[in-house]
Amino acid sequence: MAYLILKAALSGVIVMIVSEAARRSPGLGGLIASLPLVSVLAILWLWRDTSDVERIAAHAESTFWLVLPSLPMFLALPAMLRQGVGFWIALGASCALTMALYGVTVWLLPKIGINL
């Protein structure tokens, strides 16, 4: 149980650091958020829990493919906000776009020989 609390606390600290940095400097917050800190932590936890290199390799590869459909959100959200769309609507639409792109990605990848 302490291990789970440690994992949750460390993940929460990362989110707190990103939000505090972004409050002071959007660019710095973006830089920290763009670092694959959560992915690296997940890989470390997976290594500690399983020591299974194939599982870790598959996880890292899946992460790569699933990052791609999330990237347009970071262009759509600011574009909508700058066009005067309300925050919650822009965020919801950006999230909906991301979910749709995830669906397309998960459908398309097996067709081109990539299994998640």
PDB file of N, CA and C in Angstrom:
ATOM      1  N   MET A   1       0.818  -1.188   0.000  1.00  0.00           N
ATOM      2  CA  MET A   1       0.000   0.000   0.000  1.00  0.00           C
ATOM      3  C   MET A   1       0.870   1.262   0.000  1.00  0.00           C
ATOM      4  N   ALA A   2       1.961   1.266   0.747  1.00  0.00           N
ATOM      5  CA  ALA A   2       2.859   2.418   0.781  1.00  0.00           C
ATOM      6  C   ALA A   2       3.438   2.688  -0.603  1.00  0.00           C
ATOM      7  N   TYR A   3       3.697   1.621  -1.353  1.00  0.00           N
ATOM      8  CA  TYR A   3       4.233   1.747  -2.707  1.00  0.00           C
ATOM      9  C   TYR A   3       3.239   2.484  -3.605  1.00  0.00           C
ATOM     10  N   LEU A   4       1.966   2.141  -3.522  1.00  0.00           N
ATOM     11  CA  LEU A   4       0.933   2.814  -4.311  1.00  0.00           C
ATOM     12  C   LEU A   4       0.810   4.283  -3.920  1.00  0.00           C
ATOM     13  N   ILE A   5       0.894   4.561  -2.645  1.00  0.00           N
ATOM     14  CA  ILE A   5       0.826   5.950  -2.168  1.00  0.00           C
ATOM     15  C   ILE A   5       2.029   6.732  -2.688  1.00  0.00           C
ATOM     16  N   LEU A   6       3.212   6.128  -2.660  1.00  0.00           N
ATOM     17  CA  LEU A   6       4.414   6.776  -3.183  1.00  0.00           C
ATOM     18  C   LEU A   6       4.246   7.098  -4.664  1.00  0.00           C
ATOM     19  N   LYS A   7       3.745   6.147  -5.451  1.00  0.00           N
ATOM     20  CA  LYS A   7       3.549   6.375  -6.882  1.00  0.00           C
ATOM     21  C   LYS A   7       2.559   7.510  -7.111  1.00  0.00           C
ATOM     22  N   ALA A   8       1.454   7.513  -6.390  1.00  0.00           N
ATOM     23  CA  ALA A   8       0.439   8.562  -6.539  1.00  0.00           C
ATOM     24  C   ALA A   8       0.990   9.920  -6.116  1.00  0.00           C
ATOM     25  N   ALA A   9       1.709   9.964  -5.013  1.00  0.00           N
ATOM     26  CA  ALA A   9       2.254  11.230  -4.515  1.00  0.00           C
ATOM     27  C   ALA A   9       3.271  11.807  -5.488  1.00  0.00           C
ATOM     28  N   LEU A  10       4.149  10.983  -6.005  1.00  0.00           N
ATOM     29  CA  LEU A  10       5.163  11.458  -6.941  1.00  0.00           C
ATOM     30  C   LEU A  10       4.512  11.987  -8.216  1.00  0.00           C
ATOM     31  N   SER A  11       3.509  11.292  -8.707  1.00  0.00           N
ATOM     32  CA  SER A  11       2.785  11.750  -9.897  1.00  0.00           C
ATOM     33  C   SER A  11       2.095  13.078  -9.621  1.00  0.00           C
ATOM     34  N   GLY A  12       1.499  13.214  -8.452  1.00  0.00           N
ATOM     35  CA  GLY A  12       0.855  14.467  -8.071  1.00  0.00           C
ATOM     36  C   GLY A  12       1.834  15.612  -7.964  1.00  0.00           C
ATOM     37  N   VAL A  13       3.003  15.351  -7.460  1.00  0.00           N
ATOM     38  CA  VAL A  13       4.038  16.391  -7.349  1.00  0.00           C
ATOM     39  C   VAL A  13       4.432  16.887  -8.737  1.00  0.00           C
ATOM     40  N   ILE A  14       4.529  15.993  -9.694  1.00  0.00           N
ATOM     41  CA  ILE A  14       4.873  16.399 -11.056  1.00  0.00           C
ATOM     42  C   ILE A  14       3.808  17.343 -11.616  1.00  0.00           C
ATOM     43  N   VAL A  15       2.542  16.993 -11.442  1.00  0.00           N
ATOM     44  CA  VAL A  15       1.452  17.848 -11.918  1.00  0.00           C
ATOM     45  C   VAL A  15       1.503  19.204 -11.226  1.00  0.00           C
ATOM     46  N   MET A  16       1.764  19.212  -9.934  1.00  0.00           N
ATOM     47  CA  MET A  16       1.855  20.466  -9.178  1.00  0.00           C
ATOM     48  C   MET A  16       3.007  21.326  -9.694  1.00  0.00           C
ATOM     49  N   ILE A  17       4.149  20.731  -9.971  1.00  0.00           N
ATOM     50  CA  ILE A  17       5.301  21.473 -10.477  1.00  0.00           C
ATOM     51  C   ILE A  17       4.974  22.095 -11.837  1.00  0.00           C
ATOM     52  N   VAL A  18       4.340  21.311 -12.710  1.00  0.00           N
ATOM     53  CA  VAL A  18       3.980  21.831 -14.031  1.00  0.00           C
ATOM     54  C   VAL A  18       3.022  23.007 -13.900  1.00  0.00           C
ATOM     55  N   SER A  19       1.986  22.862 -13.074  1.00  0.00           N
ATOM     56  CA  SER A  19       1.000  23.939 -12.972  1.00  0.00           C
ATOM     57  C   SER A  19       1.601  25.195 -12.341  1.00  0.00           C
ATOM     58  N   GLU A  20       2.465  25.040 -11.357  1.00  0.00           N
ATOM     59  CA  GLU A  20       3.108  26.206 -10.738  1.00  0.00           C
ATOM     60  C   GLU A  20       4.086  26.875 -11.702  1.00  0.00           C
ATOM     61  N   ALA A  21       4.832  26.081 -12.432  1.00  0.00           N
ATOM     62  CA  ALA A  21       5.764  26.650 -13.414  1.00  0.00           C
ATOM     63  C   ALA A  21       4.995  27.382 -14.513  1.00  0.00           C
ATOM     64  N   ALA A  22       3.891  26.795 -14.969  1.00  0.00           N
ATOM     65  CA  ALA A  22       3.093  27.413 -16.031  1.00  0.00           C
ATOM     66  C   ALA A  22       2.454  28.712 -15.564  1.00  0.00           C
ATOM     67  N   ARG A  23       2.136  28.797 -14.300  1.00  0.00           N
ATOM     68  CA  ARG A  23       1.552  30.028 -13.763  1.00  0.00           C
ATOM     69  C   ARG A  23       2.570  31.165 -13.859  1.00  0.00           C
ATOM     70  N   ARG A  24       3.815  30.854 -13.656  1.00  0.00           N
ATOM     71  CA  ARG A  24       4.875  31.863 -13.713  1.00  0.00           C
ATOM     72  C   ARG A  24       5.352  32.118 -15.142  1.00  0.00           C
ATOM     73  N   SER A  25       5.443  31.037 -15.917  1.00  0.00           N
ATOM     74  CA  SER A  25       5.931  31.137 -17.290  1.00  0.00           C
ATOM     75  C   SER A  25       5.288  30.035 -18.126  1.00  0.00           C
ATOM     76  N   PRO A  26       4.353  30.398 -19.025  1.00  0.00           N
ATOM     77  CA  PRO A  26       3.707  29.370 -19.856  1.00  0.00           C
ATOM     78  C   PRO A  26       4.711  28.517 -20.627  1.00  0.00           C
ATOM     79  N   GLY A  27       5.780  29.133 -21.113  1.00  0.00           N
ATOM     80  CA  GLY A  27       6.790  28.377 -21.858  1.00  0.00           C
ATOM     81  C   GLY A  27       7.497  27.348 -20.998  1.00  0.00           C
ATOM     82  N   LEU A  28       7.864  27.748 -19.779  1.00  0.00           N
ATOM     83  CA  LEU A  28       8.526  26.812 -18.866  1.00  0.00           C
ATOM     84  C   LEU A  28       7.575  25.681 -18.478  1.00  0.00           C
ATOM     85  N   GLY A  29       6.324  26.035 -18.195  1.00  0.00           N
ATOM     86  CA  GLY A  29       5.334  25.004 -17.875  1.00  0.00           C
ATOM     87  C   GLY A  29       5.155  24.031 -19.027  1.00  0.00           C
ATOM     88  N   GLY A  30       5.126  24.573 -20.254  1.00  0.00           N
ATOM     89  CA  GLY A  30       5.012  23.713 -21.430  1.00  0.00           C
ATOM     90  C   GLY A  30       6.214  22.808 -21.606  1.00  0.00           C
ATOM     91  N   LEU A  31       7.391  23.366 -21.340  1.00  0.00           N
ATOM     92  CA  LEU A  31       8.611  22.559 -21.441  1.00  0.00           C
ATOM     93  C   LEU A  31       8.576  21.394 -20.467  1.00  0.00           C
ATOM     94  N   ILE A  32       8.241  21.682 -19.216  1.00  0.00           N
ATOM     95  CA  ILE A  32       8.195  20.616 -18.206  1.00  0.00           C
ATOM     96  C   ILE A  32       7.112  19.597 -18.551  1.00  0.00           C
ATOM     97  N   ALA A  33       5.944  20.099 -18.982  1.00  0.00           N
ATOM     98  CA  ALA A  33       4.845  19.184 -19.330  1.00  0.00           C
ATOM     99  C   ALA A  33       5.201  18.309 -20.530  1.00  0.00           C
ATOM    100  N   SER A  34       6.029  18.844 -21.428  1.00  0.00           N
ATOM    101  CA  SER A  34       6.371  18.068 -22.625  1.00  0.00           C
ATOM    102  C   SER A  34       7.397  16.975 -22.345  1.00  0.00           C
ATOM    103  N   LEU A  35       8.084  17.081 -21.220  1.00  0.00           N
ATOM    104  CA  LEU A  35       9.037  16.026 -20.870  1.00  0.00           C
ATOM    105  C   LEU A  35       8.263  14.737 -20.580  1.00  0.00           C
ATOM    106  N   PRO A  36       8.792  13.635 -20.990  1.00  0.00           N
ATOM    107  CA  PRO A  36       8.069  12.378 -20.759  1.00  0.00           C
ATOM    108  C   PRO A  36       8.252  11.845 -19.333  1.00  0.00           C
ATOM    109  N   LEU A  37       8.086  12.734 -18.350  1.00  0.00           N
ATOM    110  CA  LEU A  37       8.312  12.342 -16.961  1.00  0.00           C
ATOM    111  C   LEU A  37       7.372  11.228 -16.511  1.00  0.00           C
ATOM    112  N   VAL A  38       6.085  11.358 -16.849  1.00  0.00           N
ATOM    113  CA  VAL A  38       5.125  10.340 -16.431  1.00  0.00           C
ATOM    114  C   VAL A  38       5.439   9.012 -17.109  1.00  0.00           C
ATOM    115  N   SER A  39       5.814   9.073 -18.380  1.00  0.00           N
ATOM    116  CA  SER A  39       6.166   7.837 -19.089  1.00  0.00           C
ATOM    117  C   SER A  39       7.406   7.188 -18.486  1.00  0.00           C
ATOM    118  N   VAL A  40       8.393   8.004 -18.173  1.00  0.00           N
ATOM    119  CA  VAL A  40       9.613   7.450 -17.567  1.00  0.00           C
ATOM    120  C   VAL A  40       9.289   6.842 -16.204  1.00  0.00           C
ATOM    121  N   LEU A  41       8.471   7.533 -15.404  1.00  0.00           N
ATOM    122  CA  LEU A  41       8.076   6.959 -14.113  1.00  0.00           C
ATOM    123  C   LEU A  41       7.313   5.652 -14.303  1.00  0.00           C
ATOM    124  N   ALA A  42       6.401   5.621 -15.265  1.00  0.00           N
ATOM    125  CA  ALA A  42       5.648   4.391 -15.516  1.00  0.00           C
ATOM    126  C   ALA A  42       6.581   3.258 -15.914  1.00  0.00           C
ATOM    127  N   ILE A  43       7.580   3.571 -16.737  1.00  0.00           N
ATOM    128  CA  ILE A  43       8.556   2.553 -17.139  1.00  0.00           C
ATOM    129  C   ILE A  43       9.357   2.082 -15.930  1.00  0.00           C
ATOM    130  N   LEU A  44       9.756   3.017 -15.074  1.00  0.00           N
ATOM    131  CA  LEU A  44      10.487   2.626 -13.860  1.00  0.00           C
ATOM    132  C   LEU A  44       9.637   1.741 -12.951  1.00  0.00           C
ATOM    133  N   TRP A  45       8.375   2.141 -12.743  1.00  0.00           N
ATOM    134  CA  TRP A  45       7.493   1.327 -11.899  1.00  0.00           C
ATOM    135  C   TRP A  45       7.280  -0.053 -12.528  1.00  0.00           C
ATOM    136  N   LEU A  46       7.097  -0.086 -13.859  1.00  0.00           N
ATOM    137  CA  LEU A  46       6.889  -1.362 -14.546  1.00  0.00           C
ATOM    138  C   LEU A  46       8.119  -2.248 -14.423  1.00  0.00           C
ATOM    139  N   TRP A  47       9.302  -1.650 -14.534  1.00  0.00           N
ATOM    140  CA  TRP A  47      10.539  -2.417 -14.364  1.00  0.00           C
ATOM    141  C   TRP A  47      10.633  -2.980 -12.954  1.00  0.00           C
ATOM    142  N   ARG A  48      10.338  -2.122 -11.968  1.00  0.00           N
ATOM    143  CA  ARG A  48      10.404  -2.570 -10.580  1.00  0.00           C
ATOM    144  C   ARG A  48       9.400  -3.685 -10.311  1.00  0.00           C
ATOM    145  N   ASP A  49       8.213  -3.569 -10.896  1.00  0.00           N
ATOM    146  CA  ASP A  49       7.151  -4.543 -10.636  1.00  0.00           C
ATOM    147  C   ASP A  49       7.318  -5.850 -11.403  1.00  0.00           C
ATOM    148  N   THR A  50       7.881  -5.773 -12.641  1.00  0.00           N
ATOM    149  CA  THR A  50       7.899  -6.979 -13.475  1.00  0.00           C
ATOM    150  C   THR A  50       9.279  -7.386 -13.975  1.00  0.00           C
ATOM    151  N   SER A  51      10.199  -6.450 -14.141  1.00  0.00           N
ATOM    152  CA  SER A  51      11.507  -6.690 -14.772  1.00  0.00           C
ATOM    153  C   SER A  51      11.363  -7.331 -16.149  1.00  0.00           C
ATOM    154  N   ASP A  52      10.235  -7.109 -16.787  1.00  0.00           N
ATOM    155  CA  ASP A  52       9.924  -7.718 -18.081  1.00  0.00           C
ATOM    156  C   ASP A  52      10.284  -6.729 -19.193  1.00  0.00           C
ATOM    157  N   VAL A  53      11.432  -6.956 -19.845  1.00  0.00           N
ATOM    158  CA  VAL A  53      11.900  -6.015 -20.857  1.00  0.00           C
ATOM    159  C   VAL A  53      10.960  -5.953 -22.062  1.00  0.00           C
ATOM    160  N   GLU A  54      10.360  -7.067 -22.424  1.00  0.00           N
ATOM    161  CA  GLU A  54       9.439  -7.056 -23.567  1.00  0.00           C
ATOM    162  C   GLU A  54       8.200  -6.224 -23.250  1.00  0.00           C
ATOM    163  N   ARG A  55       7.685  -6.343 -22.052  1.00  0.00           N
ATOM    164  CA  ARG A  55       6.520  -5.547 -21.648  1.00  0.00           C
ATOM    165  C   ARG A  55       6.877  -4.057 -21.646  1.00  0.00           C
ATOM    166  N   ILE A  56       8.059  -3.724 -21.170  1.00  0.00           N
ATOM    167  CA  ILE A  56       8.495  -2.327 -21.136  1.00  0.00           C
ATOM    168  C   ILE A  56       8.678  -1.801 -22.561  1.00  0.00           C
ATOM    169  N   ALA A  57       9.274  -2.601 -23.417  1.00  0.00           N
ATOM    170  CA  ALA A  57       9.456  -2.193 -24.814  1.00  0.00           C
ATOM    171  C   ALA A  57       8.102  -1.970 -25.486  1.00  0.00           C
ATOM    172  N   ALA A  58       7.159  -2.879 -25.255  1.00  0.00           N
ATOM    173  CA  ALA A  58       5.823  -2.736 -25.839  1.00  0.00           C
ATOM    174  C   ALA A  58       5.121  -1.493 -25.287  1.00  0.00           C
ATOM    175  N   HIS A  59       5.298  -1.239 -24.014  1.00  0.00           N
ATOM    176  CA  HIS A  59       4.699  -0.054 -23.398  1.00  0.00           C
ATOM    177  C   HIS A  59       5.264   1.225 -24.026  1.00  0.00           C
ATOM    178  N   ALA A  60       6.577   1.290 -24.169  1.00  0.00           N
ATOM    179  CA  ALA A  60       7.217   2.475 -24.750  1.00  0.00           C
ATOM    180  C   ALA A  60       6.765   2.686 -26.196  1.00  0.00           C
ATOM    181  N   GLU A  61       6.680   1.615 -26.960  1.00  0.00           N
ATOM    182  CA  GLU A  61       6.240   1.732 -28.356  1.00  0.00           C
ATOM    183  C   GLU A  61       4.775   2.159 -28.427  1.00  0.00           C
ATOM    184  N   SER A  62       3.938   1.597 -27.594  1.00  0.00           N
ATOM    185  CA  SER A  62       2.521   1.997 -27.564  1.00  0.00           C
ATOM    186  C   SER A  62       2.384   3.463 -27.181  1.00  0.00           C
ATOM    187  N   THR A  63       3.199   3.896 -26.232  1.00  0.00           N
ATOM    188  CA  THR A  63       3.162   5.298 -25.820  1.00  0.00           C
ATOM    189  C   THR A  63       3.499   6.200 -27.001  1.00  0.00           C
ATOM    190  N   PHE A  64       4.503   5.836 -27.772  1.00  0.00           N
ATOM    191  CA  PHE A  64       4.859   6.631 -28.946  1.00  0.00           C
ATOM    192  C   PHE A  64       3.668   6.785 -29.881  1.00  0.00           C
ATOM    193  N   TRP A  65       3.045   5.669 -30.236  1.00  0.00           N
ATOM    194  CA  TRP A  65       1.937   5.726 -31.195  1.00  0.00           C
ATOM    195  C   TRP A  65       0.731   6.481 -30.634  1.00  0.00           C
ATOM    196  N   LEU A  66       0.528   6.413 -29.334  1.00  0.00           N
ATOM    197  CA  LEU A  66      -0.639   7.071 -28.749  1.00  0.00           C
ATOM    198  C   LEU A  66      -0.389   8.528 -28.371  1.00  0.00           C
ATOM    199  N   VAL A  67       0.850   8.967 -28.382  1.00  0.00           N
ATOM    200  CA  VAL A  67       1.128  10.391 -28.209  1.00  0.00           C
ATOM    201  C   VAL A  67       0.715  11.147 -29.474  1.00  0.00           C
ATOM    202  N   LEU A  68       0.932  10.555 -30.617  1.00  0.00           N
ATOM    203  CA  LEU A  68       0.672  11.240 -31.885  1.00  0.00           C
ATOM    204  C   LEU A  68      -0.754  11.791 -32.004  1.00  0.00           C
ATOM    205  N   PRO A  69      -1.802  10.999 -31.710  1.00  0.00           N
ATOM    206  CA  PRO A  69      -3.149  11.570 -31.853  1.00  0.00           C
ATOM    207  C   PRO A  69      -3.498  12.600 -30.780  1.00  0.00           C
ATOM    208  N   SER A  70      -2.695  12.705 -29.743  1.00  0.00           N
ATOM    209  CA  SER A  70      -2.975  13.712 -28.716  1.00  0.00           C
ATOM    210  C   SER A  70      -2.389  15.079 -29.072  1.00  0.00           C
ATOM    211  N   LEU A  71      -1.443  15.134 -29.979  1.00  0.00           N
ATOM    212  CA  LEU A  71      -0.754  16.383 -30.297  1.00  0.00           C
ATOM    213  C   LEU A  71      -1.667  17.472 -30.889  1.00  0.00           C
ATOM    214  N   PRO A  72      -2.609  17.131 -31.781  1.00  0.00           N
ATOM    215  CA  PRO A  72      -3.468  18.193 -32.319  1.00  0.00           C
ATOM    216  C   PRO A  72      -4.260  18.962 -31.256  1.00  0.00           C
ATOM    217  N   MET A  73      -4.507  18.348 -30.114  1.00  0.00           N
ATOM    218  CA  MET A  73      -5.214  19.048 -29.045  1.00  0.00           C
ATOM    219  C   MET A  73      -4.475  20.325 -28.649  1.00  0.00           C
ATOM    220  N   PHE A  74      -3.151  20.277 -28.670  1.00  0.00           N
ATOM    221  CA  PHE A  74      -2.359  21.402 -28.217  1.00  0.00           C
ATOM    222  C   PHE A  74      -2.274  22.524 -29.252  1.00  0.00           C
ATOM    223  N   LEU A  75      -2.822  22.275 -30.430  1.00  0.00           N
ATOM    224  CA  LEU A  75      -2.994  23.331 -31.422  1.00  0.00           C
ATOM    225  C   LEU A  75      -4.449  23.780 -31.487  1.00  0.00           C
ATOM    226  N   ALA A  76      -5.371  22.828 -31.363  1.00  0.00           N
ATOM    227  CA  ALA A  76      -6.796  23.161 -31.445  1.00  0.00           C
ATOM    228  C   ALA A  76      -7.242  24.015 -30.258  1.00  0.00           C
ATOM    229  N   LEU A  77      -6.812  23.670 -29.065  1.00  0.00           N
ATOM    230  CA  LEU A  77      -7.238  24.408 -27.873  1.00  0.00           C
ATOM    231  C   LEU A  77      -6.831  25.885 -27.944  1.00  0.00           C
ATOM    232  N   PRO A  78      -5.560  26.215 -28.176  1.00  0.00           N
ATOM    233  CA  PRO A  78      -5.232  27.641 -28.236  1.00  0.00           C
ATOM    234  C   PRO A  78      -5.916  28.358 -29.408  1.00  0.00           C
ATOM    235  N   ALA A  79      -6.082  27.658 -30.535  1.00  0.00           N
ATOM    236  CA  ALA A  79      -6.751  28.284 -31.679  1.00  0.00           C
ATOM    237  C   ALA A  79      -8.185  28.659 -31.311  1.00  0.00           C
ATOM    238  N   MET A  80      -8.901  27.745 -30.662  1.00  0.00           N
ATOM    239  CA  MET A  80     -10.281  28.029 -30.266  1.00  0.00           C
ATOM    240  C   MET A  80     -10.344  29.138 -29.228  1.00  0.00           C
ATOM    241  N   LEU A  81      -9.459  29.097 -28.256  1.00  0.00           N
ATOM    242  CA  LEU A  81      -9.455  30.137 -27.224  1.00  0.00           C
ATOM    243  C   LEU A  81      -9.191  31.514 -27.839  1.00  0.00           C
ATOM    244  N   ARG A  82      -8.266  31.571 -28.768  1.00  0.00           N
ATOM    245  CA  ARG A  82      -7.946  32.852 -29.411  1.00  0.00           C
ATOM    246  C   ARG A  82      -9.059  33.342 -30.334  1.00  0.00           C
ATOM    247  N   GLN A  83      -9.922  32.419 -30.761  1.00  0.00           N
ATOM    248  CA  GLN A  83     -11.074  32.799 -31.587  1.00  0.00           C
ATOM    249  C   GLN A  83     -12.277  33.200 -30.738  1.00  0.00           C
ATOM    250  N   GLY A  84     -12.105  33.168 -29.417  1.00  0.00           N
ATOM    251  CA  GLY A  84     -13.171  33.603 -28.529  1.00  0.00           C
ATOM    252  C   GLY A  84     -14.096  32.505 -28.037  1.00  0.00           C
ATOM    253  N   VAL A  85     -13.769  31.250 -28.344  1.00  0.00           N
ATOM    254  CA  VAL A  85     -14.569  30.138 -27.831  1.00  0.00           C
ATOM    255  C   VAL A  85     -14.329  30.060 -26.323  1.00  0.00           C
ATOM    256  N   GLY A  86     -15.386  29.846 -25.561  1.00  0.00           N
ATOM    257  CA  GLY A  86     -15.261  29.739 -24.109  1.00  0.00           C
ATOM    258  C   GLY A  86     -14.328  28.611 -23.707  1.00  0.00           C
ATOM    259  N   PHE A  87     -13.708  28.797 -22.545  1.00  0.00           N
ATOM    260  CA  PHE A  87     -12.707  27.834 -22.078  1.00  0.00           C
ATOM    261  C   PHE A  87     -13.250  26.410 -22.029  1.00  0.00           C
ATOM    262  N   TRP A  88     -14.375  26.198 -21.351  1.00  0.00           N
ATOM    263  CA  TRP A  88     -14.884  24.836 -21.157  1.00  0.00           C
ATOM    264  C   TRP A  88     -15.305  24.195 -22.467  1.00  0.00           C
ATOM    265  N   ILE A  89     -15.879  24.977 -23.362  1.00  0.00           N
ATOM    266  CA  ILE A  89     -16.272  24.440 -24.673  1.00  0.00           C
ATOM    267  C   ILE A  89     -15.020  24.087 -25.475  1.00  0.00           C
ATOM    268  N   ALA A  90     -14.026  24.973 -25.468  1.00  0.00           N
ATOM    269  CA  ALA A  90     -12.785  24.706 -26.202  1.00  0.00           C
ATOM    270  C   ALA A  90     -12.074  23.478 -25.642  1.00  0.00           C
ATOM    271  N   LEU A  91     -12.028  23.377 -24.321  1.00  0.00           N
ATOM    272  CA  LEU A  91     -11.388  22.214 -23.707  1.00  0.00           C
ATOM    273  C   LEU A  91     -12.147  20.939 -24.052  1.00  0.00           C
ATOM    274  N   GLY A  92     -13.466  20.981 -23.943  1.00  0.00           N
ATOM    275  CA  GLY A  92     -14.274  19.807 -24.275  1.00  0.00           C
ATOM    276  C   GLY A  92     -14.122  19.394 -25.733  1.00  0.00           C
ATOM    277  N   ALA A  93     -14.140  20.388 -26.633  1.00  0.00           N
ATOM    278  CA  ALA A  93     -13.982  20.087 -28.058  1.00  0.00           C
ATOM    279  C   ALA A  93     -12.590  19.524 -28.340  1.00  0.00           C
ATOM    280  N   SER A  94     -11.589  20.067 -27.684  1.00  0.00           N
ATOM    281  CA  SER A  94     -10.224  19.559 -27.867  1.00  0.00           C
ATOM    282  C   SER A  94     -10.102  18.125 -27.372  1.00  0.00           C
ATOM    283  N   CYS A  95     -10.723  17.850 -26.237  1.00  0.00           N
ATOM    284  CA  CYS A  95     -10.711  16.484 -25.705  1.00  0.00           C
ATOM    285  C   CYS A  95     -11.490  15.535 -26.620  1.00  0.00           C
ATOM    286  N   ALA A  96     -12.614  16.005 -27.151  1.00  0.00           N
ATOM    287  CA  ALA A  96     -13.400  15.179 -28.087  1.00  0.00           C
ATOM    288  C   ALA A  96     -12.593  14.886 -29.342  1.00  0.00           C
ATOM    289  N   LEU A  97     -11.886  15.901 -29.850  1.00  0.00           N
ATOM    290  CA  LEU A  97     -11.016  15.698 -31.004  1.00  0.00           C
ATOM    291  C   LEU A  97      -9.967  14.633 -30.701  1.00  0.00           C
ATOM    292  N   THR A  98      -9.358  14.729 -29.535  1.00  0.00           N
ATOM    293  CA  THR A  98      -8.327  13.769 -29.142  1.00  0.00           C
ATOM    294  C   THR A  98      -8.902  12.363 -29.049  1.00  0.00           C
ATOM    295  N   MET A  99     -10.084  12.227 -28.440  1.00  0.00           N
ATOM    296  CA  MET A  99     -10.698  10.894 -28.336  1.00  0.00           C
ATOM    297  C   MET A  99     -11.006  10.329 -29.722  1.00  0.00           C
ATOM    298  N   ALA A 100     -11.496  11.183 -30.623  1.00  0.00           N
ATOM    299  CA  ALA A 100     -11.778  10.719 -31.989  1.00  0.00           C
ATOM    300  C   ALA A 100     -10.495  10.271 -32.679  1.00  0.00           C
ATOM    301  N   LEU A 101      -9.428  11.048 -32.505  1.00  0.00           N
ATOM    302  CA  LEU A 101      -8.156  10.673 -33.120  1.00  0.00           C
ATOM    303  C   LEU A 101      -7.565   9.406 -32.496  1.00  0.00           C
ATOM    304  N   TYR A 102      -7.785   9.220 -31.193  1.00  0.00           N
ATOM    305  CA  TYR A 102      -7.388   7.952 -30.571  1.00  0.00           C
ATOM    306  C   TYR A 102      -8.135   6.795 -31.230  1.00  0.00           C
ATOM    307  N   GLY A 103      -9.437   6.967 -31.411  1.00  0.00           N
ATOM    308  CA  GLY A 103     -10.235   5.916 -32.050  1.00  0.00           C
ATOM    309  C   GLY A 103      -9.712   5.575 -33.434  1.00  0.00           C
ATOM    310  N   VAL A 104      -9.435   6.602 -34.233  1.00  0.00           N
ATOM    311  CA  VAL A 104      -8.898   6.378 -35.584  1.00  0.00           C
ATOM    312  C   VAL A 104      -7.548   5.671 -35.500  1.00  0.00           C
ATOM    313  N   THR A 105      -6.702   6.103 -34.583  1.00  0.00           N
ATOM    314  CA  THR A 105      -5.369   5.511 -34.433  1.00  0.00           C
ATOM    315  C   THR A 105      -5.451   4.042 -34.036  1.00  0.00           C
ATOM    316  N   VAL A 106      -6.288   3.744 -33.046  1.00  0.00           N
ATOM    317  CA  VAL A 106      -6.422   2.357 -32.574  1.00  0.00           C
ATOM    318  C   VAL A 106      -7.029   1.477 -33.670  1.00  0.00           C
ATOM    319  N   TRP A 107      -7.880   2.038 -34.505  1.00  0.00           N
ATOM    320  CA  TRP A 107      -8.469   1.291 -35.618  1.00  0.00           C
ATOM    321  C   TRP A 107      -7.446   1.101 -36.737  1.00  0.00           C
ATOM    322  N   LEU A 108      -6.652   2.156 -37.014  1.00  0.00           N
ATOM    323  CA  LEU A 108      -5.744   2.140 -38.159  1.00  0.00           C
ATOM    324  C   LEU A 108      -4.466   1.333 -37.921  1.00  0.00           C
ATOM    325  N   LEU A 109      -3.877   1.437 -36.754  1.00  0.00           N
ATOM    326  CA  LEU A 109      -2.577   0.813 -36.522  1.00  0.00           C
ATOM    327  C   LEU A 109      -2.556  -0.686 -36.835  1.00  0.00           C
ATOM    328  N   PRO A 110      -3.521  -1.493 -36.382  1.00  0.00           N
ATOM    329  CA  PRO A 110      -3.462  -2.915 -36.723  1.00  0.00           C
ATOM    330  C   PRO A 110      -3.539  -3.169 -38.233  1.00  0.00           C
ATOM    331  N   LYS A 111      -4.208  -2.271 -38.936  1.00  0.00           N
ATOM    332  CA  LYS A 111      -4.330  -2.435 -40.396  1.00  0.00           C
ATOM    333  C   LYS A 111      -2.998  -2.224 -41.118  1.00  0.00           C
ATOM    334  N   ILE A 112      -2.084  -1.508 -40.469  1.00  0.00           N
ATOM    335  CA  ILE A 112      -0.765  -1.306 -41.085  1.00  0.00           C
ATOM    336  C   ILE A 112       0.309  -2.140 -40.357  1.00  0.00           C
ATOM    337  N   GLY A 113      -0.140  -3.112 -39.568  1.00  0.00           N
ATOM    338  CA  GLY A 113       0.787  -4.061 -38.956  1.00  0.00           C
ATOM    339  C   GLY A 113       1.371  -3.673 -37.634  1.00  0.00           C
ATOM    340  N   ILE A 114       0.770  -2.683 -36.967  1.00  0.00           N
ATOM    341  CA  ILE A 114       1.272  -2.256 -35.656  1.00  0.00           C
ATOM    342  C   ILE A 114       0.244  -2.626 -34.609  1.00  0.00           C
ATOM    343  N   ASN A 115       0.645  -3.470 -33.664  1.00  0.00           N
ATOM    344  CA  ASN A 115      -0.253  -3.902 -32.611  1.00  0.00           C
ATOM    345  C   ASN A 115       0.123  -3.244 -31.299  1.00  0.00           C
ATOM    346  N   LEU A 116      -0.877  -2.654 -30.672  1.00  0.00           N
ATOM    347  CA  LEU A 116      -0.628  -1.989 -29.382  1.00  0.00           C
ATOM    348  C   LEU A 116      -0.702  -3.007 -28.258  1.00  0.00           C
TER     349      LEU A 116
END
